[in-house]
Amino acid sequence: METGLDIVDFWRMENGLIRENWVLVDLLHVYAQLSVDVFKRMRETTYACQPRS
């Protein structure tokens, strides 16, 4: 089992000070490590929301 966490961290500096910070976390990877199939849940939710005739 893979145990890493994929993240990307961006910093914007202005005049020597940190003005903004963005952190992107690969949540699909985190859910996969927890054995959660996000796409399966999305399909089930989408199907459940469809109007029935």
PDB file of N, CA and C in Angstrom:
ATOM      1  N   MET A   1       0.838  -1.178   0.000  1.00  0.00           N
ATOM      2  CA  MET A   1       0.000   0.000   0.000  1.00  0.00           C
ATOM      3  C   MET A   1       0.886   1.246   0.000  1.00  0.00           C
ATOM      4  N   GLU A   2       0.575   2.154  -0.860  1.00  0.00           N
ATOM      5  CA  GLU A   2       1.326   3.399  -0.929  1.00  0.00           C
ATOM      6  C   GLU A   2       0.877   4.323   0.202  1.00  0.00           C
ATOM      7  N   THR A   3       1.817   5.013   0.817  1.00  0.00           N
ATOM      8  CA  THR A   3       1.461   5.826   1.983  1.00  0.00           C
ATOM      9  C   THR A   3       1.791   7.304   1.815  1.00  0.00           C
ATOM     10  N   GLY A   4       2.150   7.732   0.602  1.00  0.00           N
ATOM     11  CA  GLY A   4       2.491   9.139   0.399  1.00  0.00           C
ATOM     12  C   GLY A   4       1.253  10.006   0.247  1.00  0.00           C
ATOM     13  N   LEU A   5       1.442  11.301   0.380  1.00  0.00           N
ATOM     14  CA  LEU A   5       0.376  12.267   0.171  1.00  0.00           C
ATOM     15  C   LEU A   5       0.868  13.235  -0.890  1.00  0.00           C
ATOM     16  N   ASP A   6       0.171  13.280  -2.016  1.00  0.00           N
ATOM     17  CA  ASP A   6       0.574  14.145  -3.119  1.00  0.00           C
ATOM     18  C   ASP A   6       0.006  15.538  -2.914  1.00  0.00           C
ATOM     19  N   ILE A   7       0.898  16.520  -2.757  1.00  0.00           N
ATOM     20  CA  ILE A   7       0.461  17.898  -2.610  1.00  0.00           C
ATOM     21  C   ILE A   7       1.363  18.801  -3.446  1.00  0.00           C
ATOM     22  N   VAL A   8       0.835  19.946  -3.803  1.00  0.00           N
ATOM     23  CA  VAL A   8       1.604  20.994  -4.458  1.00  0.00           C
ATOM     24  C   VAL A   8       1.365  22.262  -3.647  1.00  0.00           C
ATOM     25  N   ASP A   9       2.421  22.962  -3.326  1.00  0.00           N
ATOM     26  CA  ASP A   9       2.331  24.140  -2.462  1.00  0.00           C
ATOM     27  C   ASP A   9       2.904  25.343  -3.210  1.00  0.00           C
ATOM     28  N   PHE A  10       2.083  26.358  -3.447  1.00  0.00           N
ATOM     29  CA  PHE A  10       2.505  27.573  -4.144  1.00  0.00           C
ATOM     30  C   PHE A  10       2.501  28.751  -3.172  1.00  0.00           C
ATOM     31  N   TRP A  11       3.544  29.573  -3.261  1.00  0.00           N
ATOM     32  CA  TRP A  11       3.655  30.768  -2.424  1.00  0.00           C
ATOM     33  C   TRP A  11       3.828  31.978  -3.333  1.00  0.00           C
ATOM     34  N   ARG A  12       3.145  33.062  -3.010  1.00  0.00           N
ATOM     35  CA  ARG A  12       3.369  34.313  -3.731  1.00  0.00           C
ATOM     36  C   ARG A  12       3.963  35.311  -2.748  1.00  0.00           C
ATOM     37  N   MET A  13       5.157  35.783  -3.099  1.00  0.00           N
ATOM     38  CA  MET A  13       5.872  36.736  -2.249  1.00  0.00           C
ATOM     39  C   MET A  13       5.735  38.136  -2.837  1.00  0.00           C
ATOM     40  N   GLU A  14       5.639  39.102  -1.960  1.00  0.00           N
ATOM     41  CA  GLU A  14       5.585  40.498  -2.372  1.00  0.00           C
ATOM     42  C   GLU A  14       6.372  41.315  -1.349  1.00  0.00           C
ATOM     43  N   ASN A  15       7.408  41.999  -1.826  1.00  0.00           N
ATOM     44  CA  ASN A  15       8.258  42.809  -0.935  1.00  0.00           C
ATOM     45  C   ASN A  15       8.814  42.001   0.237  1.00  0.00           C
ATOM     46  N   GLY A  16       9.206  40.767  -0.040  1.00  0.00           N
ATOM     47  CA  GLY A  16       9.795  39.924   0.990  1.00  0.00           C
ATOM     48  C   GLY A  16       8.805  39.294   1.959  1.00  0.00           C
ATOM     49  N   LEU A  17       7.514  39.485   1.727  1.00  0.00           N
ATOM     50  CA  LEU A  17       6.485  38.910   2.598  1.00  0.00           C
ATOM     51  C   LEU A  17       5.621  37.927   1.824  1.00  0.00           C
ATOM     52  N   ILE A  18       5.156  36.909   2.521  1.00  0.00           N
ATOM     53  CA  ILE A  18       4.229  35.955   1.904  1.00  0.00           C
ATOM     54  C   ILE A  18       2.861  36.624   1.848  1.00  0.00           C
ATOM     55  N   ARG A  19       2.326  36.778   0.643  1.00  0.00           N
ATOM     56  CA  ARG A  19       1.020  37.420   0.461  1.00  0.00           C
ATOM     57  C   ARG A  19      -0.090  36.414   0.187  1.00  0.00           C
ATOM     58  N   GLU A  20       0.254  35.305  -0.446  1.00  0.00           N
ATOM     59  CA  GLU A  20      -0.751  34.276  -0.748  1.00  0.00           C
ATOM     60  C   GLU A  20      -0.091  32.909  -0.695  1.00  0.00           C
ATOM     61  N   ASN A  21      -0.895  31.900  -0.390  1.00  0.00           N
ATOM     62  CA  ASN A  21      -0.432  30.519  -0.370  1.00  0.00           C
ATOM     63  C   ASN A  21      -1.560  29.622  -0.856  1.00  0.00           C
ATOM     64  N   TRP A  22      -1.248  28.781  -1.834  1.00  0.00           N
ATOM     65  CA  TRP A  22      -2.215  27.817  -2.343  1.00  0.00           C
ATOM     66  C   TRP A  22      -1.641  26.428  -2.103  1.00  0.00           C
ATOM     67  N   VAL A  23      -2.437  25.537  -1.552  1.00  0.00           N
ATOM     68  CA  VAL A  23      -2.028  24.149  -1.334  1.00  0.00           C
ATOM     69  C   VAL A  23      -3.047  23.261  -2.035  1.00  0.00           C
ATOM     70  N   LEU A  24      -2.575  22.493  -3.001  1.00  0.00           N
ATOM     71  CA  LEU A  24      -3.437  21.577  -3.739  1.00  0.00           C
ATOM     72  C   LEU A  24      -3.154  20.159  -3.250  1.00  0.00           C
ATOM     73  N   VAL A  25      -4.184  19.494  -2.766  1.00  0.00           N
ATOM     74  CA  VAL A  25      -4.045  18.132  -2.254  1.00  0.00           C
ATOM     75  C   VAL A  25      -4.743  17.187  -3.225  1.00  0.00           C
ATOM     76  N   ASP A  26      -4.076  16.106  -3.575  1.00  0.00           N
ATOM     77  CA  ASP A  26      -4.650  15.099  -4.466  1.00  0.00           C
ATOM     78  C   ASP A  26      -5.640  14.249  -3.662  1.00  0.00           C
ATOM     79  N   LEU A  27      -6.876  14.742  -3.549  1.00  0.00           N
ATOM     80  CA  LEU A  27      -7.868  14.055  -2.721  1.00  0.00           C
ATOM     81  C   LEU A  27      -8.274  12.694  -3.294  1.00  0.00           C
ATOM     82  N   LEU A  28      -8.265  12.549  -4.613  1.00  0.00           N
ATOM     83  CA  LEU A  28      -8.582  11.236  -5.184  1.00  0.00           C
ATOM     84  C   LEU A  28      -7.576  10.196  -4.712  1.00  0.00           C
ATOM     85  N   HIS A  29      -6.328  10.586  -4.619  1.00  0.00           N
ATOM     86  CA  HIS A  29      -5.287   9.677  -4.134  1.00  0.00           C
ATOM     87  C   HIS A  29      -5.517   9.334  -2.653  1.00  0.00           C
ATOM     88  N   VAL A  30      -5.890  10.325  -1.862  1.00  0.00           N
ATOM     89  CA  VAL A  30      -6.165  10.093  -0.440  1.00  0.00           C
ATOM     90  C   VAL A  30      -7.333   9.125  -0.285  1.00  0.00           C
ATOM     91  N   TYR A  31      -8.432   9.373  -1.026  1.00  0.00           N
ATOM     92  CA  TYR A  31      -9.589   8.472  -0.942  1.00  0.00           C
ATOM     93  C   TYR A  31      -9.236   7.061  -1.408  1.00  0.00           C
ATOM     94  N   ALA A  32      -8.408   6.946  -2.439  1.00  0.00           N
ATOM     95  CA  ALA A  32      -8.003   5.623  -2.916  1.00  0.00           C
ATOM     96  C   ALA A  32      -7.249   4.878  -1.812  1.00  0.00           C
ATOM     97  N   GLN A  33      -6.410   5.584  -1.060  1.00  0.00           N
ATOM     98  CA  GLN A  33      -5.691   4.949   0.051  1.00  0.00           C
ATOM     99  C   GLN A  33      -6.654   4.468   1.131  1.00  0.00           C
ATOM    100  N   LEU A  34      -7.808   5.128   1.231  1.00  0.00           N
ATOM    101  CA  LEU A  34      -8.823   4.738   2.211  1.00  0.00           C
ATOM    102  C   LEU A  34      -9.829   3.741   1.638  1.00  0.00           C
ATOM    103  N   SER A  35      -9.549   3.246   0.424  1.00  0.00           N
ATOM    104  CA  SER A  35     -10.413   2.285  -0.281  1.00  0.00           C
ATOM    105  C   SER A  35     -11.789   2.852  -0.577  1.00  0.00           C
ATOM    106  N   VAL A  36     -11.863   4.145  -0.838  1.00  0.00           N
ATOM    107  CA  VAL A  36     -13.114   4.792  -1.217  1.00  0.00           C
ATOM    108  C   VAL A  36     -13.078   5.033  -2.724  1.00  0.00           C
ATOM    109  N   ASP A  37     -14.040   4.472  -3.444  1.00  0.00           N
ATOM    110  CA  ASP A  37     -14.136   4.655  -4.892  1.00  0.00           C
ATOM    111  C   ASP A  37     -15.033   5.867  -5.167  1.00  0.00           C
ATOM    112  N   VAL A  38     -14.408   7.016  -5.340  1.00  0.00           N
ATOM    113  CA  VAL A  38     -15.136   8.268  -5.523  1.00  0.00           C
ATOM    114  C   VAL A  38     -16.001   8.217  -6.779  1.00  0.00           C
ATOM    115  N   PHE A  39     -15.471   7.675  -7.869  1.00  0.00           N
ATOM    116  CA  PHE A  39     -16.218   7.648  -9.125  1.00  0.00           C
ATOM    117  C   PHE A  39     -17.424   6.726  -9.048  1.00  0.00           C
ATOM    118  N   LYS A  40     -17.312   5.616  -8.320  1.00  0.00           N
ATOM    119  CA  LYS A  40     -18.460   4.733  -8.113  1.00  0.00           C
ATOM    120  C   LYS A  40     -19.552   5.467  -7.342  1.00  0.00           C
ATOM    121  N   ARG A  41     -19.166   6.192  -6.317  1.00  0.00           N
ATOM    122  CA  ARG A  41     -20.147   6.953  -5.531  1.00  0.00           C
ATOM    123  C   ARG A  41     -20.796   8.045  -6.365  1.00  0.00           C
ATOM    124  N   MET A  42     -20.022   8.673  -7.241  1.00  0.00           N
ATOM    125  CA  MET A  42     -20.593   9.700  -8.119  1.00  0.00           C
ATOM    126  C   MET A  42     -21.629   9.088  -9.068  1.00  0.00           C
ATOM    127  N   ARG A  43     -21.315   7.913  -9.631  1.00  0.00           N
ATOM    128  CA  ARG A  43     -22.270   7.236 -10.524  1.00  0.00           C
ATOM    129  C   ARG A  43     -23.546   6.880  -9.772  1.00  0.00           C
ATOM    130  N   GLU A  44     -23.406   6.359  -8.553  1.00  0.00           N
ATOM    131  CA  GLU A  44     -24.582   5.991  -7.760  1.00  0.00           C
ATOM    132  C   GLU A  44     -25.435   7.216  -7.438  1.00  0.00           C
ATOM    133  N   THR A  45     -24.787   8.316  -7.082  1.00  0.00           N
ATOM    134  CA  THR A  45     -25.512   9.551  -6.761  1.00  0.00           C
ATOM    135  C   THR A  45     -26.204  10.097  -7.993  1.00  0.00           C
ATOM    136  N   THR A  46     -25.511  10.103  -9.113  1.00  0.00           N
ATOM    137  CA  THR A  46     -26.095  10.603 -10.362  1.00  0.00           C
ATOM    138  C   THR A  46     -27.303   9.756 -10.754  1.00  0.00           C
ATOM    139  N   TYR A  47     -27.176   8.431 -10.640  1.00  0.00           N
ATOM    140  CA  TYR A  47     -28.285   7.539 -10.985  1.00  0.00           C
ATOM    141  C   TYR A  47     -29.460   7.781 -10.054  1.00  0.00           C
ATOM    142  N   ALA A  48     -29.195   7.951  -8.757  1.00  0.00           N
ATOM    143  CA  ALA A  48     -30.273   8.137  -7.784  1.00  0.00           C
ATOM    144  C   ALA A  48     -31.013   9.448  -8.005  1.00  0.00           C
ATOM    145  N   CYS A  49     -30.371  10.427  -8.619  1.00  0.00           N
ATOM    146  CA  CYS A  49     -31.001  11.749  -8.848  1.00  0.00           C
ATOM    147  C   CYS A  49     -31.763  11.822 -10.170  1.00  0.00           C
ATOM    148  N   GLN A  50     -31.686  10.778 -10.980  1.00  0.00           N
ATOM    149  CA  GLN A  50     -32.378  10.797 -12.274  1.00  0.00           C
ATOM    150  C   GLN A  50     -33.881  10.636 -12.070  1.00  0.00           C
ATOM    151  N   PRO A  51     -34.684  11.396 -12.825  1.00  0.00           N
ATOM    152  CA  PRO A  51     -36.135  11.241 -12.702  1.00  0.00           C
ATOM    153  C   PRO A  51     -36.587   9.870 -13.205  1.00  0.00           C
ATOM    154  N   ARG A  52     -37.543   9.304 -12.552  1.00  0.00           N
ATOM    155  CA  ARG A  52     -38.084   7.982 -12.933  1.00  0.00           C
ATOM    156  C   ARG A  52     -39.407   8.192 -13.679  1.00  0.00           C
ATOM    157  N   SER A  53     -39.633   7.339 -14.673  1.00  0.00           N
ATOM    158  CA  SER A  53     -40.901   7.451 -15.413  1.00  0.00           C
ATOM    159  C   SER A  53     -41.794   6.264 -15.162  1.00  0.00           C
TER     160      SER A  53
END
